[in-house]
Amino acid sequence: MTIITLLDVETKKKVIVRSVIDPIARIDKKGNIQIIQIHKWLYDESGDFVDEDLYEALNNGEVGKRWSHLFEQLKAYL
């Protein structure tokens, strides 16, 4: 599990998000099994899923680079 603390530099409020892995098993006609790991991001405090924009930014490692507009959405969560 990955845990990330996001800090709003203006208000100094912190939001903690964590990832969980949801494995999905696929079986083909020959009986071969493929396990796919789906990463899901949740707010640590509430357990709610993060919104789609933040989800994409977290999965792509782009939080803090060019996603400053996401912090406005985080403020609404706080």
C-alpha atoms as a PDB file:
ATOM      1  CA  MET A   1       0.000   0.000   0.000  1.00  0.00           C
ATOM      2  CA  THR A   2       1.251   3.462  -0.875  1.00  0.00           C
ATOM      3  CA  ILE A   3       0.393   6.399   1.373  1.00  0.00           C
ATOM      4  CA  ILE A   4       0.871   9.976   0.173  1.00  0.00           C
ATOM      5  CA  THR A   5       0.400  13.141   2.199  1.00  0.00           C
ATOM      6  CA  LEU A   6      -0.657  16.149   0.133  1.00  0.00           C
ATOM      7  CA  LEU A   7      -0.116  19.604   1.580  1.00  0.00           C
ATOM      8  CA  ASP A   8      -2.027  22.721   0.627  1.00  0.00           C
ATOM      9  CA  VAL A   9       0.784  25.274   0.831  1.00  0.00           C
ATOM     10  CA  GLU A  10      -1.633  28.160   1.422  1.00  0.00           C
ATOM     11  CA  THR A  11      -3.673  26.714   4.285  1.00  0.00           C
ATOM     12  CA  LYS A  12      -1.075  24.184   5.512  1.00  0.00           C
ATOM     13  CA  LYS A  13      -3.816  21.549   5.670  1.00  0.00           C
ATOM     14  CA  LYS A  14      -2.796  17.991   4.888  1.00  0.00           C
ATOM     15  CA  VAL A  15      -4.794  15.362   3.048  1.00  0.00           C
ATOM     16  CA  ILE A  16      -3.634  11.770   3.179  1.00  0.00           C
ATOM     17  CA  VAL A  17      -4.460   9.420   0.311  1.00  0.00           C
ATOM     18  CA  ARG A  18      -3.624   5.747   0.074  1.00  0.00           C
ATOM     19  CA  SER A  19      -3.627   3.207  -2.690  1.00  0.00           C
ATOM     20  CA  VAL A  20      -5.048  -0.267  -2.538  1.00  0.00           C
ATOM     21  CA  ILE A  21      -4.629  -2.993  -5.112  1.00  0.00           C
ATOM     22  CA  ASP A  22      -7.714  -4.741  -6.429  1.00  0.00           C
ATOM     23  CA  PRO A  23      -6.566  -7.911  -8.225  1.00  0.00           C
ATOM     24  CA  ILE A  24      -8.635  -9.244 -11.098  1.00  0.00           C
ATOM     25  CA  ALA A  25      -8.072 -12.767 -12.423  1.00  0.00           C
ATOM     26  CA  ARG A  26      -8.802 -13.541 -16.055  1.00  0.00           C
ATOM     27  CA  ILE A  27      -8.942 -17.093 -17.356  1.00  0.00           C
ATOM     28  CA  ASP A  28      -8.821 -17.831 -21.076  1.00  0.00           C
ATOM     29  CA  LYS A  29     -10.281 -20.866 -22.880  1.00  0.00           C
ATOM     30  CA  LYS A  30      -7.020 -22.801 -22.470  1.00  0.00           C
ATOM     31  CA  GLY A  31      -7.092 -22.349 -18.706  1.00  0.00           C
ATOM     32  CA  ASN A  32      -4.298 -19.782 -18.586  1.00  0.00           C
ATOM     33  CA  ILE A  33      -4.718 -17.330 -15.747  1.00  0.00           C
ATOM     34  CA  GLN A  34      -3.695 -13.692 -15.933  1.00  0.00           C
ATOM     35  CA  ILE A  35      -3.845 -11.545 -12.819  1.00  0.00           C
ATOM     36  CA  ILE A  36      -4.221  -7.813 -13.351  1.00  0.00           C
ATOM     37  CA  GLN A  37      -3.617  -5.396 -10.512  1.00  0.00           C
ATOM     38  CA  ILE A  38      -5.920  -2.380 -10.482  1.00  0.00           C
ATOM     39  CA  HIS A  39      -4.708   0.461  -8.250  1.00  0.00           C
ATOM     40  CA  LYS A  40      -7.411   2.422  -6.464  1.00  0.00           C
ATOM     41  CA  TRP A  41      -6.829   5.630  -4.493  1.00  0.00           C
ATOM     42  CA  LEU A  42      -8.803   6.519  -1.371  1.00  0.00           C
ATOM     43  CA  TYR A  43      -8.866   9.374   1.089  1.00  0.00           C
ATOM     44  CA  ASP A  44      -7.326   7.852   4.196  1.00  0.00           C
ATOM     45  CA  GLU A  45      -9.655   9.567   6.661  1.00  0.00           C
ATOM     46  CA  SER A  46     -13.004   8.802   5.027  1.00  0.00           C
ATOM     47  CA  GLY A  47     -12.242   5.828   2.790  1.00  0.00           C
ATOM     48  CA  ASP A  48     -13.930   7.605  -0.148  1.00  0.00           C
ATOM     49  CA  PHE A  49     -12.445   7.195  -3.613  1.00  0.00           C
ATOM     50  CA  VAL A  50     -10.551  10.226  -4.936  1.00  0.00           C
ATOM     51  CA  ASP A  51     -12.039  12.037  -7.933  1.00  0.00           C
ATOM     52  CA  GLU A  52     -11.006  11.062 -11.460  1.00  0.00           C
ATOM     53  CA  ASP A  53      -8.548  13.934 -12.085  1.00  0.00           C
ATOM     54  CA  LEU A  54      -6.663  13.282  -8.869  1.00  0.00           C
ATOM     55  CA  TYR A  55      -6.749   9.532  -9.548  1.00  0.00           C
ATOM     56  CA  GLU A  56      -5.065  10.025 -12.930  1.00  0.00           C
ATOM     57  CA  ALA A  57      -2.490  12.415 -11.480  1.00  0.00           C
ATOM     58  CA  LEU A  58      -1.595   9.975  -8.695  1.00  0.00           C
ATOM     59  CA  ASN A  59      -1.312   7.021 -11.073  1.00  0.00           C
ATOM     60  CA  ASN A  60       0.871   8.994 -13.469  1.00  0.00           C
ATOM     61  CA  GLY A  61       3.081  10.522 -10.769  1.00  0.00           C
ATOM     62  CA  GLU A  62       2.044  14.044 -11.756  1.00  0.00           C
ATOM     63  CA  VAL A  63       0.757  15.458  -8.475  1.00  0.00           C
ATOM     64  CA  GLY A  64       2.515  18.743  -7.745  1.00  0.00           C
ATOM     65  CA  LYS A  65       3.868  19.160 -11.264  1.00  0.00           C
ATOM     66  CA  ARG A  66       1.045  20.543 -13.362  1.00  0.00           C
ATOM     67  CA  TRP A  67      -2.006  19.604 -11.370  1.00  0.00           C
ATOM     68  CA  SER A  68      -2.262  22.578  -9.040  1.00  0.00           C
ATOM     69  CA  HIS A  69      -5.966  22.924  -9.943  1.00  0.00           C
ATOM     70  CA  LEU A  70      -6.566  19.671  -8.067  1.00  0.00           C
ATOM     71  CA  PHE A  71      -5.753  21.381  -4.810  1.00  0.00           C
ATOM     72  CA  GLU A  72      -8.887  23.490  -5.257  1.00  0.00           C
ATOM     73  CA  GLN A  73     -10.874  20.256  -5.303  1.00  0.00           C
ATOM     74  CA  LEU A  74      -9.018  19.049  -2.223  1.00  0.00           C
ATOM     75  CA  LYS A  75      -9.960  22.242  -0.381  1.00  0.00           C
ATOM     76  CA  ALA A  76     -13.610  21.365  -0.911  1.00  0.00           C
ATOM     77  CA  TYR A  77     -12.942  17.980   0.669  1.00  0.00           C
ATOM     78  CA  LEU A  78     -11.369  19.584   3.730  1.00  0.00           C
END
